[in-house]
Amino acid sequence: MKLSDFKVLTFDCYGTLIDWETGIFNGLKPLLAKRKGELTKDQALEIYARHESDQQATTPDMPYSQLLAVVYKRLANEWSIPVANYEANIFGASVPDWPEFPDSVEALAYLKQHFKLVILSNVDRVSFRGSNARLKVEFDAIYSAQDVGAYKPSRKNFDYMIAHLESDFGLDRSDILHTAQSLFHDHASANDFGLASAWIDRRHNQEGWGATMPPPGTPKVDFHFESMAALVQAHRDELAKI
């Protein structure tokens, strides 16, 4: 199996292309400053992940910006910190401020020359618009949780993406390489649907799961890279051998 075997790269965005852990942690700093007892970044992210995952399962049709505000309030309640609605809403609106990874823009510009690029993301359309401006590429399709009415790892998201890639572009599953950081949100589901996948292991030098939950079992991945830059280099090396 080679990268050049595929026609479309379907991306998770947050954690893969956008550094959502930095964005989330920065957004939580006003709340963490009021908490009794310090938490490390990873500890805070792991608590956040538990609340986000539960809220996504509870309210699958809630737009992500609203869901983030609810999660902020849940964290405040767990830590016995009073917060106003406007404070939670600031966090909910913070997605466009979350930074891109340093290699994302250049990698996407290169990959756009060789593949169709598609987003499958747990986000709402307005929030993604800000992230898309950071990534500076025109994606061939954007499938958001708001479009689907569910959040990954729900099967509905991959059902939606696969159906639209077939009807809109004439692509089948063998044409798709799902490219993502989260084993929980993405790779386990990619396995269930028989999709090849590339793990962008952004947390390769860190312990724990950060802002994602542990995956069920051990998902299989077909490619393993520590960065988007490494994926691009592997593709370049393939082409050099042709």
Protein backbone atom coordinates (compact mmCIF):
# COMPACT_ATOMS: atom_id res chain seq x y z
CA MET A 1 0.00 0.00 0.00
CA LYS A 2 1.29 3.44 -0.98
CA LEU A 3 0.06 6.97 -0.33
CA SER A 4 -0.14 7.50 -4.07
CA ASP A 5 -2.71 4.67 -4.32
CA PHE A 6 -5.42 7.03 -3.01
CA LYS A 7 -7.46 9.76 -4.69
CA VAL A 8 -8.77 11.62 -1.66
CA LEU A 9 -7.42 12.45 1.78
CA THR A 10 -10.21 12.89 4.30
CA PHE A 11 -9.06 14.87 7.32
CA ASP A 12 -10.00 15.30 10.87
CA CYS A 13 -9.14 18.95 11.45
CA TYR A 14 -8.80 19.59 15.18
CA GLY A 15 -5.78 17.83 16.60
CA THR A 16 -4.52 17.01 13.11
CA LEU A 17 -4.32 20.33 11.26
CA ILE A 18 -5.33 22.75 14.01
CA ASP A 19 -3.60 22.59 17.40
CA TRP A 20 -6.80 22.24 19.37
CA GLU A 21 -5.09 21.21 22.61
CA THR A 22 -3.26 24.54 22.76
CA GLY A 23 -6.47 26.34 21.78
CA ILE A 24 -8.55 24.54 24.40
CA PHE A 25 -6.00 24.99 27.16
CA ASN A 26 -5.59 28.69 26.40
CA GLY A 27 -9.36 29.09 26.44
CA LEU A 28 -9.61 27.36 29.82
CA LYS A 29 -6.92 29.47 31.50
CA PRO A 30 -9.38 32.00 33.02
CA LEU A 31 -11.26 29.09 34.61
CA LEU A 32 -8.13 27.25 35.70
CA ALA A 33 -6.83 30.42 37.36
CA LYS A 34 -9.82 30.32 39.71
CA ARG A 35 -9.51 26.62 40.52
CA LYS A 36 -8.14 25.48 43.84
CA GLY A 37 -5.11 23.33 43.14
CA GLU A 38 -3.03 23.39 40.00
CA LEU A 39 -3.50 21.05 37.07
CA THR A 40 -0.98 20.26 34.38
CA LYS A 41 -2.01 20.90 30.80
CA ASP A 42 -2.54 17.19 30.17
CA GLN A 43 -4.56 16.76 33.35
CA ALA A 44 -6.85 19.64 32.39
CA LEU A 45 -7.24 18.31 28.85
CA GLU A 46 -8.12 14.82 30.07
CA ILE A 47 -10.88 16.20 32.31
CA TYR A 48 -12.08 18.34 29.42
CA ALA A 49 -12.15 15.32 27.09
CA ARG A 50 -14.40 13.40 29.47
CA HIS A 51 -16.93 16.22 29.60
CA GLU A 52 -16.80 16.97 25.88
CA SER A 53 -17.31 13.35 24.88
CA ASP A 54 -20.25 12.94 27.25
CA GLN A 55 -21.87 16.17 26.08
CA GLN A 56 -21.48 15.22 22.42
CA ALA A 57 -23.22 11.90 23.09
CA THR A 58 -25.96 13.64 25.09
CA THR A 59 -26.66 16.48 22.62
CA PRO A 60 -25.46 15.24 19.20
CA ASP A 61 -27.32 17.94 17.28
CA MET A 62 -25.99 20.87 19.34
CA PRO A 63 -23.65 23.13 17.30
CA TYR A 64 -20.08 22.87 18.52
CA SER A 65 -19.72 26.48 19.66
CA GLN A 66 -22.76 26.04 21.91
CA LEU A 67 -21.51 22.66 23.11
CA LEU A 68 -18.16 24.17 24.09
CA ALA A 69 -19.97 26.73 26.23
CA VAL A 70 -21.87 23.94 27.99
CA VAL A 71 -18.64 22.02 28.59
CA TYR A 72 -17.09 25.15 30.10
CA LYS A 73 -19.99 25.36 32.53
CA ARG A 74 -19.70 21.67 33.35
CA LEU A 75 -16.04 22.13 34.21
CA ALA A 76 -16.84 25.17 36.33
CA ASN A 77 -19.49 23.17 38.17
CA GLU A 78 -17.09 20.25 38.82
CA TRP A 79 -14.53 22.69 40.19
CA SER A 80 -17.14 24.70 42.19
CA ILE A 81 -16.35 27.92 40.32
CA PRO A 82 -19.18 30.38 39.55
CA VAL A 83 -19.14 31.58 35.94
CA ALA A 84 -21.33 33.92 33.92
CA ASN A 85 -22.88 32.95 30.60
CA TYR A 86 -20.69 35.42 28.75
CA GLU A 87 -17.53 33.68 30.05
CA ALA A 88 -18.73 30.32 28.76
CA ASN A 89 -19.74 31.89 25.45
CA ILE A 90 -16.26 33.38 25.00
CA PHE A 91 -14.84 29.87 25.22
CA GLY A 92 -17.53 28.61 22.85
CA ALA A 93 -16.54 31.21 20.27
CA SER A 94 -12.79 30.56 20.59
CA VAL A 95 -12.36 27.94 17.82
CA PRO A 96 -11.25 30.47 15.15
CA ASP A 97 -8.47 31.52 17.55
CA TRP A 98 -7.05 28.01 17.88
CA PRO A 99 -3.70 27.97 16.06
CA GLU A 100 -2.75 25.83 13.11
CA PHE A 101 0.20 23.47 13.50
CA PRO A 102 3.36 24.96 11.96
CA ASP A 103 3.46 22.43 9.11
CA SER A 104 -0.25 22.37 8.19
CA VAL A 105 -0.43 25.18 5.63
CA GLU A 106 2.59 24.08 3.59
CA ALA A 107 1.57 20.41 3.74
CA LEU A 108 -1.98 21.09 2.54
CA ALA A 109 -0.74 23.29 -0.30
CA TYR A 110 1.46 20.42 -1.49
CA LEU A 111 -1.17 17.70 -1.05
CA LYS A 112 -3.77 19.77 -2.92
CA GLN A 113 -1.68 19.19 -6.05
CA HIS A 114 -2.05 15.41 -5.76
CA PHE A 115 -5.32 14.60 -3.96
CA LYS A 116 -8.80 15.80 -3.33
CA LEU A 117 -8.89 17.18 0.21
CA VAL A 118 -11.96 16.69 2.39
CA ILE A 119 -12.77 17.65 5.99
CA LEU A 120 -14.77 15.43 8.36
CA SER A 121 -14.87 17.38 11.59
CA ASN A 122 -16.65 17.61 14.94
CA VAL A 123 -17.39 21.28 14.51
CA ASP A 124 -20.01 23.73 13.28
CA ARG A 125 -19.77 25.48 9.95
CA VAL A 126 -19.13 29.00 11.30
CA SER A 127 -16.34 27.86 13.64
CA PHE A 128 -14.63 25.94 10.86
CA ARG A 129 -14.71 28.98 8.59
CA GLY A 130 -12.18 30.68 10.89
CA SER A 131 -9.94 27.62 10.94
CA ASN A 132 -10.15 27.27 7.17
CA ALA A 133 -8.84 30.82 6.81
CA ARG A 134 -5.81 29.78 8.89
CA LEU A 135 -5.19 26.71 6.74
CA LYS A 136 -5.24 28.72 3.49
CA VAL A 137 -6.50 25.92 1.23
CA GLU A 138 -9.75 25.28 -0.60
CA PHE A 139 -11.08 21.92 0.50
CA ASP A 140 -13.05 19.94 -2.05
CA ALA A 141 -15.72 19.20 0.54
CA ILE A 142 -16.38 20.01 4.20
CA TYR A 143 -18.58 17.67 6.25
CA SER A 144 -19.22 19.01 9.74
CA ALA A 145 -20.96 17.56 12.76
CA GLN A 146 -23.57 20.26 12.20
CA ASP A 147 -24.27 18.85 8.73
CA VAL A 148 -24.55 15.30 10.06
CA GLY A 149 -26.39 15.97 13.31
CA ALA A 150 -23.89 13.81 15.21
CA TYR A 151 -20.34 13.82 16.55
CA LYS A 152 -17.59 11.37 15.82
CA PRO A 153 -17.10 8.57 16.73
CA SER A 154 -20.76 8.08 15.78
CA ARG A 155 -21.14 5.91 12.69
CA LYS A 156 -23.39 8.59 11.22
CA ASN A 157 -20.45 10.86 10.41
CA PHE A 158 -18.57 8.27 8.35
CA ASP A 159 -21.81 7.07 6.71
CA TYR A 160 -22.47 10.67 5.65
CA MET A 161 -18.96 11.24 4.32
CA ILE A 162 -18.74 7.98 2.38
CA ALA A 163 -22.18 8.48 0.84
CA HIS A 164 -21.36 12.04 -0.27
CA LEU A 165 -17.96 11.13 -1.67
CA GLU A 166 -19.65 8.48 -3.77
CA SER A 167 -22.60 10.61 -4.94
CA ASP A 168 -20.73 13.90 -5.41
CA PHE A 169 -17.33 12.69 -6.68
CA GLY A 170 -17.80 9.08 -7.78
CA LEU A 171 -15.29 7.88 -5.17
CA ASP A 172 -15.50 4.59 -3.32
CA ARG A 173 -13.94 3.44 -0.07
CA SER A 174 -10.78 2.15 -1.70
CA ASP A 175 -10.06 5.69 -2.94
CA ILE A 176 -10.11 7.17 0.59
CA LEU A 177 -7.22 7.60 3.03
CA HIS A 178 -8.60 8.92 6.31
CA THR A 179 -5.95 11.13 7.91
CA ALA A 180 -6.28 11.98 11.58
CA GLN A 181 -4.67 12.27 14.99
CA SER A 182 -7.43 10.86 17.21
CA LEU A 183 -7.55 7.09 17.55
CA PHE A 184 -10.81 7.50 19.50
CA HIS A 185 -12.72 9.83 17.17
CA ASP A 186 -11.36 8.66 13.82
CA HIS A 187 -9.21 5.57 13.48
CA ALA A 188 -11.50 3.18 15.32
CA SER A 189 -14.37 4.26 13.07
CA ALA A 190 -12.21 4.09 9.96
CA ASN A 191 -11.50 0.46 10.88
CA ASP A 192 -15.23 -0.24 11.25
CA PHE A 193 -15.87 1.10 7.75
CA GLY A 194 -12.93 -0.65 6.10
CA LEU A 195 -11.14 2.62 5.32
CA ALA A 196 -7.38 2.89 5.08
CA SER A 197 -6.01 5.43 7.54
CA ALA A 198 -2.94 7.52 8.26
CA TRP A 199 -2.22 8.37 11.88
CA ILE A 200 -0.77 11.84 12.35
CA ASP A 201 0.62 11.15 15.79
CA ARG A 202 0.92 14.71 17.08
CA ARG A 203 1.25 13.48 20.67
CA HIS A 204 4.09 11.05 19.90
CA ASN A 205 6.35 12.60 22.52
CA GLN A 206 3.66 12.90 25.22
CA GLU A 207 1.97 10.42 27.53
CA GLY A 208 -1.78 9.97 27.87
CA TRP A 209 -4.60 10.88 25.50
CA GLY A 210 -4.79 14.65 25.97
CA ALA A 211 -8.06 16.10 24.76
CA THR A 212 -9.36 12.79 23.39
CA MET A 213 -10.71 9.71 25.11
CA PRO A 214 -8.86 6.35 24.94
CA PRO A 215 -9.94 4.34 21.88
CA PRO A 216 -11.78 1.05 22.13
CA GLY A 217 -9.18 -1.66 21.65
CA THR A 218 -6.17 -0.91 19.48
CA PRO A 219 -7.21 0.57 16.12
CA LYS A 220 -5.22 -0.52 13.08
CA VAL A 221 -3.50 2.20 11.05
CA ASP A 222 -1.97 1.78 7.62
CA PHE A 223 0.47 4.69 7.86
CA HIS A 224 2.01 6.29 10.95
CA PHE A 225 3.57 9.76 10.82
CA GLU A 226 4.55 12.16 13.58
CA SER A 227 3.53 15.21 11.54
CA MET A 228 1.93 16.37 8.33
CA ALA A 229 5.40 17.30 7.10
CA ALA A 230 6.44 13.66 7.48
CA LEU A 231 3.44 12.51 5.43
CA VAL A 232 4.37 14.95 2.67
CA GLN A 233 7.97 13.75 2.67
CA ALA A 234 6.83 10.14 2.40
CA HIS A 235 4.69 11.03 -0.61
CA ARG A 236 7.57 12.89 -2.24
CA ASP A 237 9.82 9.87 -1.68
CA GLU A 238 7.25 7.64 -3.37
CA LEU A 239 7.06 9.87 -6.43
CA ALA A 240 10.84 10.01 -6.66
CA LYS A 241 10.90 6.22 -7.13
CA ILE A 242 8.41 6.21 -10.00
